[in-house]
C-alpha atoms as a PDB file:
ATOM      1  CA  MET A   1      16.992   3.312  -5.345  1.00  0.00           C
ATOM      2  CA  ALA A   2      14.013   6.381  -4.244  1.00  0.00           C
ATOM      3  CA  TYR A   3      11.440   5.939  -2.941  1.00  0.00           C
ATOM      4  CA  ILE A   4       8.585   7.872  -1.870  1.00  0.00           C
ATOM      5  CA  ARG A   5       7.575   8.397   1.801  1.00  0.00           C
ATOM      6  CA  LYS A   6       3.770   8.967   3.715  1.00  0.00           C
ATOM      7  CA  PHE A   7       4.001   9.638   7.116  1.00  0.00           C
ATOM      8  CA  LYS A   8       1.099  10.230   9.930  1.00  0.00           C
ATOM      9  CA  THR A   9       2.492  13.483  11.467  1.00  0.00           C
ATOM     10  CA  ALA A  10       1.891  14.767  15.840  1.00  0.00           C
ATOM     11  CA  SER A  11      -1.066  16.628  14.722  1.00  0.00           C
ATOM     12  CA  GLY A  12      -2.373  15.080  12.399  1.00  0.00           C
ATOM     13  CA  ALA A  13      -1.350  15.841   8.539  1.00  0.00           C
ATOM     14  CA  THR A  14       0.448  13.491   6.601  1.00  0.00           C
ATOM     15  CA  GLY A  15       3.433  14.160   5.889  1.00  0.00           C
ATOM     16  CA  VAL A  16       6.281  13.581   2.541  1.00  0.00           C
ATOM     17  CA  GLN A  17       9.270  12.452   1.939  1.00  0.00           C
ATOM     18  CA  VAL A  18      11.646  11.321  -0.736  1.00  0.00           C
ATOM     19  CA  CYS A  19      13.548   8.489   0.328  1.00  0.00           C
ATOM     20  CA  TYR A  20      17.300   6.887  -0.456  1.00  0.00           C
ATOM     21  CA  LYS A  21      18.604   4.060   0.383  1.00  0.00           C
ATOM     22  CA  GLU A  22      22.007   2.804  -0.616  1.00  0.00           C
ATOM     23  CA  HIS A  23      23.373  -0.931   0.276  1.00  0.00           C
ATOM     24  CA  GLY A  24      19.800  -1.026   2.609  1.00  0.00           C
ATOM     25  CA  LYS A  25      20.220   2.277   4.467  1.00  0.00           C
ATOM     26  CA  VAL A  26      18.095   4.939   3.972  1.00  0.00           C
ATOM     27  CA  VAL A  27      21.344   7.670   3.407  1.00  0.00           C
ATOM     28  CA  LYS A  28      19.211  10.212   2.064  1.00  0.00           C
ATOM     29  CA  LEU A  29      15.938  11.569   3.375  1.00  0.00           C
ATOM     30  CA  ILE A  30      14.188  15.038   1.410  1.00  0.00           C
ATOM     31  CA  HIS A  31      11.407  16.656   3.593  1.00  0.00           C
ATOM     32  CA  VAL A  32       9.081  17.242   1.268  1.00  0.00           C
ATOM     33  CA  GLY A  33       5.797  18.578   2.923  1.00  0.00           C
ATOM     34  CA  SER A  34       2.881  17.798   5.034  1.00  0.00           C
ATOM     35  CA  SER A  35      -0.903  18.540   4.996  1.00  0.00           C
ATOM     36  CA  ASN A  36      -4.338  17.875   5.693  1.00  0.00           C
ATOM     37  CA  SER A  37      -6.368  17.702   2.373  1.00  0.00           C
ATOM     38  CA  GLU A  38      -6.119  15.432  -0.582  1.00  0.00           C
ATOM     39  CA  LEU A  39      -6.026  17.872  -2.513  1.00  0.00           C
ATOM     40  CA  GLY A  40      -2.642  19.060  -0.861  1.00  0.00           C
ATOM     41  CA  LEU A  41      -1.413  15.398  -0.372  1.00  0.00           C
ATOM     42  CA  THR A  42      -1.873  14.677  -4.306  1.00  0.00           C
ATOM     43  CA  LYS A  43       0.628  18.073  -4.707  1.00  0.00           C
ATOM     44  CA  LEU A  44       3.037  16.967  -2.679  1.00  0.00           C
ATOM     45  CA  LEU A  45       2.960  14.262  -3.495  1.00  0.00           C
ATOM     46  CA  ARG A  46       3.748  15.011  -7.413  1.00  0.00           C
ATOM     47  CA  LYS A  47       6.082  16.934  -5.574  1.00  0.00           C
ATOM     48  CA  ALA A  48       8.143  13.881  -5.363  1.00  0.00           C
ATOM     49  CA  GLN A  49       7.747  12.038  -7.706  1.00  0.00           C
ATOM     50  CA  ASP A  50       9.001  14.849  -9.584  1.00  0.00           C
ATOM     51  CA  ILE A  51      12.366  15.586  -7.028  1.00  0.00           C
ATOM     52  CA  ILE A  52      13.080  11.733  -8.376  1.00  0.00           C
ATOM     53  CA  ASP A  53      12.182  12.029 -12.159  1.00  0.00           C
ATOM     54  CA  ALA A  54      14.680  15.382 -12.296  1.00  0.00           C
ATOM     55  CA  GLY A  55      17.415  12.379 -11.209  1.00  0.00           C
ATOM     56  CA  LYS A  56      17.266   9.709 -13.333  1.00  0.00           C
ATOM     57  CA  ARG A  57      19.393   9.338 -16.938  1.00  0.00           C
ATOM     58  CA  ARG A  58      16.846   9.166 -19.268  1.00  0.00           C
ATOM     59  CA  LEU A  59      17.126   5.140 -20.835  1.00  0.00           C
ATOM     60  CA  PHE A  60      15.735   6.756 -24.101  1.00  0.00           C
END
């Protein structure tokens, strides 16, 4: 299962990671980036969602 993780960095920016869990443990982290602005954060969240969507198979 993949999910998006947002966190505060030491410099006060907001970081974005894509995390993958298997059997309740995080097995893979992809650092997408960090931003100080809302616009930059929105772009990073969209990019993270694109990474997750790229790994999914279509149902139909």
